[in-house]
Amino acid sequence: MRHTKLPAKAEEKIVFGQLHQVSKELAELSCNSVFDCTVDILLQDVEGRVVLNKMVNVSQATHSISLDVSKMEDGSYYAWISVGESTFLRNLTIKHKNVDSNNGVKDILAKLFT
């Protein structure tokens, strides 16, 4: 993974929220940053196999990062999110059955407000 030169205490200047599946094809990682940077995302299954490796340019206007999960099997995954010298870990559960864009949004809202 390539590291981006970041301001001091980068972990205080970029925030990653939840990584969640929003449709059968996409998962989204919410983020807010006060500077432009490159984010490296490495997604592994529970056995440690790399299923996705993506580099994304993030700006102050970026509020989420989309990941194509259409070819991934149902199950649990771990996302290693690196920016500069900081690394963050997020979990992701993929369920292709009974997931569509409307239900995904409804499920997310239900989790937020219950």
PDB file of N, CA and C in Angstrom:
ATOM      1  N   MET A   1       0.827  -1.178   0.000  1.00  0.00           N
ATOM      2  CA  MET A   1       0.000   0.000   0.000  1.00  0.00           C
ATOM      3  C   MET A   1       0.870   1.239   0.000  1.00  0.00           C
ATOM      4  N   ARG A   2       0.426   2.229  -0.742  1.00  0.00           N
ATOM      5  CA  ARG A   2       1.140   3.481  -0.832  1.00  0.00           C
ATOM      6  C   ARG A   2       0.630   4.429   0.242  1.00  0.00           C
ATOM      7  N   HIS A   3       1.532   5.130   0.904  1.00  0.00           N
ATOM      8  CA  HIS A   3       1.134   6.061   1.946  1.00  0.00           C
ATOM      9  C   HIS A   3       1.172   7.487   1.431  1.00  0.00           C
ATOM     10  N   THR A   4       0.209   8.278   1.886  1.00  0.00           N
ATOM     11  CA  THR A   4       0.105   9.672   1.513  1.00  0.00           C
ATOM     12  C   THR A   4       0.692  10.515   2.633  1.00  0.00           C
ATOM     13  N   LYS A   5       1.454  11.531   2.290  1.00  0.00           N
ATOM     14  CA  LYS A   5       1.986  12.461   3.289  1.00  0.00           C
ATOM     15  C   LYS A   5       0.817  13.250   3.857  1.00  0.00           C
ATOM     16  N   LEU A   6       0.631  13.158   5.169  1.00  0.00           N
ATOM     17  CA  LEU A   6      -0.517  13.783   5.817  1.00  0.00           C
ATOM     18  C   LEU A   6      -0.073  14.775   6.874  1.00  0.00           C
ATOM     19  N   PRO A   7      -0.982  15.680   7.248  1.00  0.00           N
ATOM     20  CA  PRO A   7      -0.663  16.584   8.340  1.00  0.00           C
ATOM     21  C   PRO A   7      -0.483  15.807   9.647  1.00  0.00           C
ATOM     22  N   ALA A   8       0.163  16.431  10.617  1.00  0.00           N
ATOM     23  CA  ALA A   8       0.341  15.797  11.921  1.00  0.00           C
ATOM     24  C   ALA A   8      -1.015  15.409  12.481  1.00  0.00           C
ATOM     25  N   LYS A   9      -1.047  14.300  13.189  1.00  0.00           N
ATOM     26  CA  LYS A   9      -2.267  13.786  13.813  1.00  0.00           C
ATOM     27  C   LYS A   9      -3.388  13.598  12.798  1.00  0.00           C
ATOM     28  N   ALA A  10      -3.076  12.897  11.720  1.00  0.00           N
ATOM     29  CA  ALA A  10      -4.059  12.670  10.655  1.00  0.00           C
ATOM     30  C   ALA A  10      -5.295  11.968  11.187  1.00  0.00           C
ATOM     31  N   GLU A  11      -5.116  11.100  12.169  1.00  0.00           N
ATOM     32  CA  GLU A  11      -6.268  10.368  12.703  1.00  0.00           C
ATOM     33  C   GLU A  11      -7.308  11.311  13.298  1.00  0.00           C
ATOM     34  N   GLU A  12      -6.922  12.541  13.626  1.00  0.00           N
ATOM     35  CA  GLU A  12      -7.880  13.510  14.151  1.00  0.00           C
ATOM     36  C   GLU A  12      -8.510  14.336  13.038  1.00  0.00           C
ATOM     37  N   LYS A  13      -8.036  14.187  11.804  1.00  0.00           N
ATOM     38  CA  LYS A  13      -8.504  15.007  10.702  1.00  0.00           C
ATOM     39  C   LYS A  13      -9.320  14.235   9.667  1.00  0.00           C
ATOM     40  N   ILE A  14      -9.414  12.923   9.826  1.00  0.00           N
ATOM     41  CA  ILE A  14     -10.271  12.105   8.960  1.00  0.00           C
ATOM     42  C   ILE A  14     -11.030  11.132   9.845  1.00  0.00           C
ATOM     43  N   VAL A  15     -12.318  10.997   9.549  1.00  0.00           N
ATOM     44  CA  VAL A  15     -13.178  10.126  10.353  1.00  0.00           C
ATOM     45  C   VAL A  15     -13.863   9.141   9.421  1.00  0.00           C
ATOM     46  N   PHE A  16     -13.776   7.867   9.757  1.00  0.00           N
ATOM     47  CA  PHE A  16     -14.479   6.827   9.010  1.00  0.00           C
ATOM     48  C   PHE A  16     -15.623   6.312   9.855  1.00  0.00           C
ATOM     49  N   GLY A  17     -16.804   6.241   9.261  1.00  0.00           N
ATOM     50  CA  GLY A  17     -17.969   5.707   9.946  1.00  0.00           C
ATOM     51  C   GLY A  17     -18.096   4.221   9.657  1.00  0.00           C
ATOM     52  N   GLN A  18     -19.334   3.764   9.618  1.00  0.00           N
ATOM     53  CA  GLN A  18     -19.597   2.351   9.377  1.00  0.00           C
ATOM     54  C   GLN A  18     -19.396   1.994   7.908  1.00  0.00           C
ATOM     55  N   LEU A  19     -19.063   0.738   7.710  1.00  0.00           N
ATOM     56  CA  LEU A  19     -19.030   0.145   6.382  1.00  0.00           C
ATOM     57  C   LEU A  19     -20.228  -0.781   6.321  1.00  0.00           C
ATOM     58  N   HIS A  20     -21.157  -0.525   5.398  1.00  0.00           N
ATOM     59  CA  HIS A  20     -22.371  -1.334   5.341  1.00  0.00           C
ATOM     60  C   HIS A  20     -22.815  -1.551   3.898  1.00  0.00           C
ATOM     61  N   GLN A  21     -23.531  -2.638   3.690  1.00  0.00           N
ATOM     62  CA  GLN A  21     -24.050  -2.988   2.380  1.00  0.00           C
ATOM     63  C   GLN A  21     -25.318  -2.174   2.141  1.00  0.00           C
ATOM     64  N   VAL A  22     -25.393  -1.475   0.998  1.00  0.00           N
ATOM     65  CA  VAL A  22     -26.561  -0.654   0.686  1.00  0.00           C
ATOM     66  C   VAL A  22     -27.418  -1.246  -0.435  1.00  0.00           C
ATOM     67  N   SER A  23     -26.857  -2.201  -1.184  1.00  0.00           N
ATOM     68  CA  SER A  23     -27.603  -2.903  -2.227  1.00  0.00           C
ATOM     69  C   SER A  23     -26.893  -4.222  -2.500  1.00  0.00           C
ATOM     70  N   LYS A  24     -27.438  -5.019  -3.420  1.00  0.00           N
ATOM     71  CA  LYS A  24     -26.791  -6.287  -3.756  1.00  0.00           C
ATOM     72  C   LYS A  24     -25.419  -6.070  -4.382  1.00  0.00           C
ATOM     73  N   GLU A  25     -25.230  -4.899  -4.989  1.00  0.00           N
ATOM     74  CA  GLU A  25     -23.976  -4.612  -5.695  1.00  0.00           C
ATOM     75  C   GLU A  25     -22.992  -3.759  -4.913  1.00  0.00           C
ATOM     76  N   LEU A  26     -23.472  -2.937  -3.978  1.00  0.00           N
ATOM     77  CA  LEU A  26     -22.612  -1.943  -3.351  1.00  0.00           C
ATOM     78  C   LEU A  26     -22.604  -1.973  -1.828  1.00  0.00           C
ATOM     79  N   ALA A  27     -21.423  -1.672  -1.296  1.00  0.00           N
ATOM     80  CA  ALA A  27     -21.272  -1.363   0.125  1.00  0.00           C
ATOM     81  C   ALA A  27     -20.693   0.039   0.189  1.00  0.00           C
ATOM     82  N   GLU A  28     -20.988   0.770   1.255  1.00  0.00           N
ATOM     83  CA  GLU A  28     -20.481   2.122   1.382  1.00  0.00           C
ATOM     84  C   GLU A  28     -19.790   2.314   2.721  1.00  0.00           C
ATOM     85  N   LEU A  29     -18.694   3.051   2.668  1.00  0.00           N
ATOM     86  CA  LEU A  29     -17.941   3.451   3.849  1.00  0.00           C
ATOM     87  C   LEU A  29     -18.110   4.955   3.987  1.00  0.00           C
ATOM     88  N   SER A  30     -18.725   5.396   5.068  1.00  0.00           N
ATOM     89  CA  SER A  30     -18.879   6.833   5.267  1.00  0.00           C
ATOM     90  C   SER A  30     -17.567   7.417   5.762  1.00  0.00           C
ATOM     91  N   CYS A  31     -17.275   8.649   5.335  1.00  0.00           N
ATOM     92  CA  CYS A  31     -16.041   9.296   5.753  1.00  0.00           C
ATOM     93  C   CYS A  31     -16.174  10.809   5.669  1.00  0.00           C
ATOM     94  N   ASN A  32     -15.405  11.487   6.494  1.00  0.00           N
ATOM     95  CA  ASN A  32     -15.284  12.939   6.464  1.00  0.00           C
ATOM     96  C   ASN A  32     -13.825  13.282   6.665  1.00  0.00           C
ATOM     97  N   SER A  33     -13.322  14.157   5.832  1.00  0.00           N
ATOM     98  CA  SER A  33     -11.916  14.528   5.896  1.00  0.00           C
ATOM     99  C   SER A  33     -11.777  16.039   5.765  1.00  0.00           C
ATOM    100  N   VAL A  34     -10.799  16.605   6.457  1.00  0.00           N
ATOM    101  CA  VAL A  34     -10.546  18.039   6.351  1.00  0.00           C
ATOM    102  C   VAL A  34      -9.386  18.320   5.398  1.00  0.00           C
ATOM    103  N   PHE A  35      -8.910  17.297   4.688  1.00  0.00           N
ATOM    104  CA  PHE A  35      -7.829  17.464   3.720  1.00  0.00           C
ATOM    105  C   PHE A  35      -7.990  16.438   2.608  1.00  0.00           C
ATOM    106  N   ASP A  36      -7.345  16.665   1.489  1.00  0.00           N
ATOM    107  CA  ASP A  36      -7.348  15.716   0.373  1.00  0.00           C
ATOM    108  C   ASP A  36      -6.287  14.653   0.650  1.00  0.00           C
ATOM    109  N   CYS A  37      -6.632  13.396   0.402  1.00  0.00           N
ATOM    110  CA  CYS A  37      -5.673  12.318   0.645  1.00  0.00           C
ATOM    111  C   CYS A  37      -6.049  11.088  -0.168  1.00  0.00           C
ATOM    112  N   THR A  38      -5.185  10.080  -0.121  1.00  0.00           N
ATOM    113  CA  THR A  38      -5.450   8.794  -0.755  1.00  0.00           C
ATOM    114  C   THR A  38      -5.725   7.775   0.334  1.00  0.00           C
ATOM    115  N   VAL A  39      -6.807   7.030   0.169  1.00  0.00           N
ATOM    116  CA  VAL A  39      -7.203   6.002   1.122  1.00  0.00           C
ATOM    117  C   VAL A  39      -7.029   4.644   0.454  1.00  0.00           C
ATOM    118  N   ASP A  40      -6.345   3.741   1.135  1.00  0.00           N
ATOM    119  CA  ASP A  40      -6.174   2.369   0.655  1.00  0.00           C
ATOM    120  C   ASP A  40      -7.134   1.477   1.426  1.00  0.00           C
ATOM    121  N   ILE A  41      -7.925   0.693   0.700  1.00  0.00           N
ATOM    122  CA  ILE A  41      -8.880  -0.225   1.338  1.00  0.00           C
ATOM    123  C   ILE A  41      -8.538  -1.639   0.910  1.00  0.00           C
ATOM    124  N   LEU A  42      -8.308  -2.488   1.890  1.00  0.00           N
ATOM    125  CA  LEU A  42      -8.029  -3.901   1.663  1.00  0.00           C
ATOM    126  C   LEU A  42      -9.128  -4.686   2.356  1.00  0.00           C
ATOM    127  N   LEU A  43      -9.905  -5.441   1.587  1.00  0.00           N
ATOM    128  CA  LEU A  43     -11.016  -6.221   2.131  1.00  0.00           C
ATOM    129  C   LEU A  43     -10.632  -7.689   2.129  1.00  0.00           C
ATOM    130  N   GLN A  44     -10.736  -8.328   3.307  1.00  0.00           N
ATOM    131  CA  GLN A  44     -10.392  -9.746   3.455  1.00  0.00           C
ATOM    132  C   GLN A  44     -11.585 -10.523   3.972  1.00  0.00           C
ATOM    133  N   ASP A  45     -11.669 -11.792   3.541  1.00  0.00           N
ATOM    134  CA  ASP A  45     -12.679 -12.664   4.132  1.00  0.00           C
ATOM    135  C   ASP A  45     -12.164 -13.165   5.480  1.00  0.00           C
ATOM    136  N   VAL A  46     -12.966 -13.964   6.172  1.00  0.00           N
ATOM    137  CA  VAL A  46     -12.585 -14.404   7.517  1.00  0.00           C
ATOM    138  C   VAL A  46     -11.381 -15.344   7.519  1.00  0.00           C
ATOM    139  N   GLU A  47     -11.038 -15.891   6.360  1.00  0.00           N
ATOM    140  CA  GLU A  47      -9.866 -16.756   6.268  1.00  0.00           C
ATOM    141  C   GLU A  47      -8.616 -15.987   5.855  1.00  0.00           C
ATOM    142  N   GLY A  48      -8.756 -14.660   5.712  1.00  0.00           N
ATOM    143  CA  GLY A  48      -7.603 -13.825   5.402  1.00  0.00           C
ATOM    144  C   GLY A  48      -7.303 -13.642   3.926  1.00  0.00           C
ATOM    145  N   ARG A  49      -8.157 -14.174   3.058  1.00  0.00           N
ATOM    146  CA  ARG A  49      -7.949 -14.005   1.619  1.00  0.00           C
ATOM    147  C   ARG A  49      -8.374 -12.600   1.190  1.00  0.00           C
ATOM    148  N   VAL A  50      -7.561 -11.956   0.389  1.00  0.00           N
ATOM    149  CA  VAL A  50      -7.881 -10.621  -0.107  1.00  0.00           C
ATOM    150  C   VAL A  50      -8.922 -10.744  -1.213  1.00  0.00           C
ATOM    151  N   VAL A  51     -10.067 -10.069  -1.036  1.00  0.00           N
ATOM    152  CA  VAL A  51     -11.130 -10.118  -2.033  1.00  0.00           C
ATOM    153  C   VAL A  51     -11.289  -8.782  -2.752  1.00  0.00           C
ATOM    154  N   LEU A  52     -10.683  -7.727  -2.219  1.00  0.00           N
ATOM    155  CA  LEU A  52     -10.745  -6.417  -2.851  1.00  0.00           C
ATOM    156  C   LEU A  52      -9.578  -5.578  -2.351  1.00  0.00           C
ATOM    157  N   ASN A  53      -8.956  -4.877  -3.268  1.00  0.00           N
ATOM    158  CA  ASN A  53      -7.875  -3.959  -2.913  1.00  0.00           C
ATOM    159  C   ASN A  53      -8.104  -2.714  -3.749  1.00  0.00           C
ATOM    160  N   LYS A  54      -8.426  -1.601  -3.099  1.00  0.00           N
ATOM    161  CA  LYS A  54      -8.828  -0.400  -3.827  1.00  0.00           C
ATOM    162  C   LYS A  54      -8.147   0.832  -3.238  1.00  0.00           C
ATOM    163  N   MET A  55      -7.685   1.705  -4.121  1.00  0.00           N
ATOM    164  CA  MET A  55      -7.108   2.979  -3.718  1.00  0.00           C
ATOM    165  C   MET A  55      -8.075   4.075  -4.169  1.00  0.00           C
ATOM    166  N   VAL A  56      -8.442   4.972  -3.238  1.00  0.00           N
ATOM    167  CA  VAL A  56      -9.434   5.998  -3.525  1.00  0.00           C
ATOM    168  C   VAL A  56      -8.888   7.364  -3.125  1.00  0.00           C
ATOM    169  N   ASN A  57      -9.046   8.339  -4.013  1.00  0.00           N
ATOM    170  CA  ASN A  57      -8.699   9.711  -3.662  1.00  0.00           C
ATOM    171  C   ASN A  57      -9.889  10.343  -2.945  1.00  0.00           C
ATOM    172  N   VAL A  58      -9.642  10.861  -1.754  1.00  0.00           N
ATOM    173  CA  VAL A  58     -10.683  11.453  -0.928  1.00  0.00           C
ATOM    174  C   VAL A  58     -10.419  12.947  -0.818  1.00  0.00           C
ATOM    175  N   SER A  59     -11.474  13.729  -0.967  1.00  0.00           N
ATOM    176  CA  SER A  59     -11.361  15.174  -0.806  1.00  0.00           C
ATOM    177  C   SER A  59     -12.295  15.612   0.312  1.00  0.00           C
ATOM    178  N   GLN A  60     -12.285  16.889   0.594  1.00  0.00           N
ATOM    179  CA  GLN A  60     -13.170  17.414   1.624  1.00  0.00           C
ATOM    180  C   GLN A  60     -14.632  17.234   1.242  1.00  0.00           C
ATOM    181  N   ALA A  61     -14.917  17.098  -0.043  1.00  0.00           N
ATOM    182  CA  ALA A  61     -16.290  16.932  -0.520  1.00  0.00           C
ATOM    183  C   ALA A  61     -16.751  15.473  -0.492  1.00  0.00           C
ATOM    184  N   THR A  62     -15.833  14.545  -0.220  1.00  0.00           N
ATOM    185  CA  THR A  62     -16.181  13.123  -0.199  1.00  0.00           C
ATOM    186  C   THR A  62     -16.851  12.765   1.116  1.00  0.00           C
ATOM    187  N   HIS A  63     -18.036  12.148   1.039  1.00  0.00           N
ATOM    188  CA  HIS A  63     -18.732  11.741   2.251  1.00  0.00           C
ATOM    189  C   HIS A  63     -18.925  10.236   2.347  1.00  0.00           C
ATOM    190  N   SER A  64     -18.646   9.543   1.242  1.00  0.00           N
ATOM    191  CA  SER A  64     -18.702   8.080   1.289  1.00  0.00           C
ATOM    192  C   SER A  64     -17.862   7.498   0.162  1.00  0.00           C
ATOM    193  N   ILE A  65     -17.427   6.274   0.385  1.00  0.00           N
ATOM    194  CA  ILE A  65     -16.651   5.531  -0.597  1.00  0.00           C
ATOM    195  C   ILE A  65     -17.455   4.287  -0.937  1.00  0.00           C
ATOM    196  N   SER A  66     -17.718   4.060  -2.215  1.00  0.00           N
ATOM    197  CA  SER A  66     -18.496   2.898  -2.654  1.00  0.00           C
ATOM    198  C   SER A  66     -17.570   1.756  -3.036  1.00  0.00           C
ATOM    199  N   LEU A  67     -17.976   0.546  -2.666  1.00  0.00           N
ATOM    200  CA  LEU A  67     -17.224  -0.669  -2.991  1.00  0.00           C
ATOM    201  C   LEU A  67     -18.143  -1.643  -3.702  1.00  0.00           C
ATOM    202  N   ASP A  68     -17.674  -2.240  -4.790  1.00  0.00           N
ATOM    203  CA  ASP A  68     -18.449  -3.234  -5.536  1.00  0.00           C
ATOM    204  C   ASP A  68     -18.362  -4.568  -4.802  1.00  0.00           C
ATOM    205  N   VAL A  69     -19.499  -5.042  -4.309  1.00  0.00           N
ATOM    206  CA  VAL A  69     -19.541  -6.320  -3.586  1.00  0.00           C
ATOM    207  C   VAL A  69     -20.374  -7.361  -4.326  1.00  0.00           C
ATOM    208  N   SER A  70     -20.710  -7.083  -5.589  1.00  0.00           N
ATOM    209  CA  SER A  70     -21.611  -7.944  -6.350  1.00  0.00           C
ATOM    210  C   SER A  70     -21.074  -9.355  -6.551  1.00  0.00           C
ATOM    211  N   LYS A  71     -19.746  -9.515  -6.608  1.00  0.00           N
ATOM    212  CA  LYS A  71     -19.168 -10.834  -6.853  1.00  0.00           C
ATOM    213  C   LYS A  71     -18.710 -11.538  -5.571  1.00  0.00           C
ATOM    214  N   MET A  72     -18.941 -10.909  -4.444  1.00  0.00           N
ATOM    215  CA  MET A  72     -18.516 -11.509  -3.173  1.00  0.00           C
ATOM    216  C   MET A  72     -19.603 -12.427  -2.636  1.00  0.00           C
ATOM    217  N   GLU A  73     -19.166 -13.486  -1.991  1.00  0.00           N
ATOM    218  CA  GLU A  73     -20.105 -14.425  -1.385  1.00  0.00           C
ATOM    219  C   GLU A  73     -20.666 -13.843  -0.098  1.00  0.00           C
ATOM    220  N   ASP A  74     -21.841 -14.327   0.298  1.00  0.00           N
ATOM    221  CA  ASP A  74     -22.395 -13.934   1.583  1.00  0.00           C
ATOM    222  C   ASP A  74     -21.410 -14.309   2.683  1.00  0.00           C
ATOM    223  N   GLY A  75     -21.303 -13.459   3.674  1.00  0.00           N
ATOM    224  CA  GLY A  75     -20.401 -13.761   4.784  1.00  0.00           C
ATOM    225  C   GLY A  75     -19.844 -12.513   5.431  1.00  0.00           C
ATOM    226  N   SER A  76     -18.877 -12.723   6.311  1.00  0.00           N
ATOM    227  CA  SER A  76     -18.241 -11.638   7.052  1.00  0.00           C
ATOM    228  C   SER A  76     -16.892 -11.296   6.438  1.00  0.00           C
ATOM    229  N   TYR A  77     -16.594 -10.007   6.435  1.00  0.00           N
ATOM    230  CA  TYR A  77     -15.354  -9.500   5.862  1.00  0.00           C
ATOM    231  C   TYR A  77     -14.760  -8.444   6.793  1.00  0.00           C
ATOM    232  N   TYR A  78     -13.464  -8.219   6.634  1.00  0.00           N
ATOM    233  CA  TYR A  78     -12.765  -7.199   7.403  1.00  0.00           C
ATOM    234  C   TYR A  78     -12.124  -6.222   6.428  1.00  0.00           C
ATOM    235  N   ALA A  79     -12.347  -4.935   6.656  1.00  0.00           N
ATOM    236  CA  ALA A  79     -11.759  -3.898   5.812  1.00  0.00           C
ATOM    237  C   ALA A  79     -10.642  -3.208   6.579  1.00  0.00           C
ATOM    238  N   TRP A  80      -9.447  -3.220   5.996  1.00  0.00           N
ATOM    239  CA  TRP A  80      -8.293  -2.511   6.537  1.00  0.00           C
ATOM    240  C   TRP A  80      -8.206  -1.218   5.751  1.00  0.00           C
ATOM    241  N   ILE A  81      -8.419  -0.099   6.400  1.00  0.00           N
ATOM    242  CA  ILE A  81      -8.475   1.201   5.750  1.00  0.00           C
ATOM    243  C   ILE A  81      -7.250   1.989   6.190  1.00  0.00           C
ATOM    244  N   SER A  82      -6.370   2.281   5.240  1.00  0.00           N
ATOM    245  CA  SER A  82      -5.118   2.972   5.561  1.00  0.00           C
ATOM    246  C   SER A  82      -5.091   4.344   4.922  1.00  0.00           C
ATOM    247  N   VAL A  83      -4.675   5.316   5.725  1.00  0.00           N
ATOM    248  CA  VAL A  83      -4.456   6.677   5.231  1.00  0.00           C
ATOM    249  C   VAL A  83      -3.211   7.188   5.946  1.00  0.00           C
ATOM    250  N   GLY A  84      -2.206   7.537   5.150  1.00  0.00           N
ATOM    251  CA  GLY A  84      -0.935   7.920   5.771  1.00  0.00           C
ATOM    252  C   GLY A  84      -0.371   6.739   6.539  1.00  0.00           C
ATOM    253  N   GLU A  85       0.003   6.976   7.769  1.00  0.00           N
ATOM    254  CA  GLU A  85       0.537   5.912   8.619  1.00  0.00           C
ATOM    255  C   GLU A  85      -0.512   5.351   9.565  1.00  0.00           C
ATOM    256  N   SER A  86      -1.761   5.796   9.422  1.00  0.00           N
ATOM    257  CA  SER A  86      -2.849   5.322  10.283  1.00  0.00           C
ATOM    258  C   SER A  86      -3.656   4.255   9.563  1.00  0.00           C
ATOM    259  N   THR A  87      -4.069   3.228  10.309  1.00  0.00           N
ATOM    260  CA  THR A  87      -4.899   2.155   9.762  1.00  0.00           C
ATOM    261  C   THR A  87      -6.114   1.973  10.649  1.00  0.00           C
ATOM    262  N   PHE A  88      -7.271   1.811  10.011  1.00  0.00           N
ATOM    263  CA  PHE A  88      -8.533   1.633  10.703  1.00  0.00           C
ATOM    264  C   PHE A  88      -9.124   0.298  10.260  1.00  0.00           C
ATOM    265  N   LEU A  89      -9.883  -0.336  11.130  1.00  0.00           N
ATOM    266  CA  LEU A  89     -10.498  -1.623  10.824  1.00  0.00           C
ATOM    267  C   LEU A  89     -12.011  -1.502  10.927  1.00  0.00           C
ATOM    268  N   ARG A  90     -12.707  -2.000   9.915  1.00  0.00           N
ATOM    269  CA  ARG A  90     -14.174  -2.023   9.922  1.00  0.00           C
ATOM    270  C   ARG A  90     -14.634  -3.410   9.499  1.00  0.00           C
ATOM    271  N   ASN A  91     -15.762  -3.839  10.039  1.00  0.00           N
ATOM    272  CA  ASN A  91     -16.374  -5.116   9.675  1.00  0.00           C
ATOM    273  C   ASN A  91     -17.436  -4.880   8.613  1.00  0.00           C
ATOM    274  N   LEU A  92     -17.659  -5.899   7.796  1.00  0.00           N
ATOM    275  CA  LEU A  92     -18.701  -5.843   6.772  1.00  0.00           C
ATOM    276  C   LEU A  92     -19.339  -7.211   6.668  1.00  0.00           C
ATOM    277  N   THR A  93     -20.667  -7.248   6.680  1.00  0.00           N
ATOM    278  CA  THR A  93     -21.402  -8.487   6.450  1.00  0.00           C
ATOM    279  C   THR A  93     -22.135  -8.360   5.130  1.00  0.00           C
ATOM    280  N   ILE A  94     -21.913  -9.322   4.246  1.00  0.00           N
ATOM    281  CA  ILE A  94     -22.563  -9.343   2.937  1.00  0.00           C
ATOM    282  C   ILE A  94     -23.703 -10.350   2.966  1.00  0.00           C
ATOM    283  N   LYS A  95     -24.894  -9.897   2.567  1.00  0.00           N
ATOM    284  CA  LYS A  95     -26.066 -10.754   2.405  1.00  0.00           C
ATOM    285  C   LYS A  95     -26.724 -10.346   1.102  1.00  0.00           C
ATOM    286  N   HIS A  96     -26.583 -11.183   0.084  1.00  0.00           N
ATOM    287  CA  HIS A  96     -27.162 -10.846  -1.216  1.00  0.00           C
ATOM    288  C   HIS A  96     -28.657 -11.134  -1.272  1.00  0.00           C
ATOM    289  N   LYS A  97     -29.130 -12.054  -0.477  1.00  0.00           N
ATOM    290  CA  LYS A  97     -30.553 -12.367  -0.458  1.00  0.00           C
ATOM    291  C   LYS A  97     -31.280 -11.307   0.363  1.00  0.00           C
ATOM    292  N   ASN A  98     -32.446 -10.914  -0.111  1.00  0.00           N
ATOM    293  CA  ASN A  98     -33.303  -9.960   0.590  1.00  0.00           C
ATOM    294  C   ASN A  98     -32.666  -8.590   0.786  1.00  0.00           C
ATOM    295  N   VAL A  99     -31.742  -8.218  -0.079  1.00  0.00           N
ATOM    296  CA  VAL A  99     -31.160  -6.879  -0.003  1.00  0.00           C
ATOM    297  C   VAL A  99     -31.451  -6.170  -1.309  1.00  0.00           C
ATOM    298  N   ASP A 100     -32.095  -5.027  -1.233  1.00  0.00           N
ATOM    299  CA  ASP A 100     -32.222  -4.143  -2.381  1.00  0.00           C
ATOM    300  C   ASP A 100     -32.017  -2.724  -1.889  1.00  0.00           C
ATOM    301  N   SER A 101     -31.902  -1.805  -2.798  1.00  0.00           N
ATOM    302  CA  SER A 101     -31.538  -0.442  -2.407  1.00  0.00           C
ATOM    303  C   SER A 101     -32.556   0.169  -1.454  1.00  0.00           C
ATOM    304  N   ASN A 102     -33.846  -0.103  -1.628  1.00  0.00           N
ATOM    305  CA  ASN A 102     -34.836   0.468  -0.723  1.00  0.00           C
ATOM    306  C   ASN A 102     -34.759  -0.157   0.661  1.00  0.00           C
ATOM    307  N   ASN A 103     -34.662  -1.486   0.724  1.00  0.00           N
ATOM    308  CA  ASN A 103     -34.559  -2.136   2.026  1.00  0.00           C
ATOM    309  C   ASN A 103     -33.262  -1.773   2.719  1.00  0.00           C
ATOM    310  N   GLY A 104     -32.173  -1.642   1.961  1.00  0.00           N
ATOM    311  CA  GLY A 104     -30.892  -1.268   2.560  1.00  0.00           C
ATOM    312  C   GLY A 104     -30.983   0.067   3.266  1.00  0.00           C
ATOM    313  N   VAL A 105     -31.585   1.043   2.612  1.00  0.00           N
ATOM    314  CA  VAL A 105     -31.749   2.367   3.214  1.00  0.00           C
ATOM    315  C   VAL A 105     -32.679   2.294   4.414  1.00  0.00           C
ATOM    316  N   LYS A 106     -33.776   1.550   4.291  1.00  0.00           N
ATOM    317  CA  LYS A 106     -34.706   1.416   5.414  1.00  0.00           C
ATOM    318  C   LYS A 106     -34.035   0.750   6.605  1.00  0.00           C
ATOM    319  N   ASP A 107     -33.220  -0.282   6.354  1.00  0.00           N
ATOM    320  CA  ASP A 107     -32.514  -0.955   7.441  1.00  0.00           C
ATOM    321  C   ASP A 107     -31.530  -0.020   8.118  1.00  0.00           C
ATOM    322  N   ILE A 108     -30.838   0.778   7.340  1.00  0.00           N
ATOM    323  CA  ILE A 108     -29.853   1.711   7.897  1.00  0.00           C
ATOM    324  C   ILE A 108     -30.566   2.747   8.770  1.00  0.00           C
ATOM    325  N   LEU A 109     -31.667   3.298   8.260  1.00  0.00           N
ATOM    326  CA  LEU A 109     -32.415   4.290   9.035  1.00  0.00           C
ATOM    327  C   LEU A 109     -32.984   3.670  10.306  1.00  0.00           C
ATOM    328  N   ALA A 110     -33.472   2.439  10.200  1.00  0.00           N
ATOM    329  CA  ALA A 110     -34.017   1.774  11.389  1.00  0.00           C
ATOM    330  C   ALA A 110     -32.942   1.593  12.449  1.00  0.00           C
ATOM    331  N   LYS A 111     -31.717   1.234  12.038  1.00  0.00           N
ATOM    332  CA  LYS A 111     -30.621   1.062  12.996  1.00  0.00           C
ATOM    333  C   LYS A 111     -30.246   2.386  13.641  1.00  0.00           C
ATOM    334  N   LEU A 112     -30.288   3.451  12.872  1.00  0.00           N
ATOM    335  CA  LEU A 112     -29.911   4.766  13.400  1.00  0.00           C
ATOM    336  C   LEU A 112     -30.916   5.308  14.404  1.00  0.00           C
ATOM    337  N   PHE A 113     -32.204   5.021  14.191  1.00  0.00           N
ATOM    338  CA  PHE A 113     -33.239   5.653  14.994  1.00  0.00           C
ATOM    339  C   PHE A 113     -33.955   4.708  15.950  1.00  0.00           C
ATOM    340  N   THR A 114     -33.416   3.530  16.177  1.00  0.00           N
ATOM    341  CA  THR A 114     -34.033   2.622  17.155  1.00  0.00           C
ATOM    342  C   THR A 114     -33.073   2.291  18.249  1.00  0.00           C
TER     343      THR A 114
END
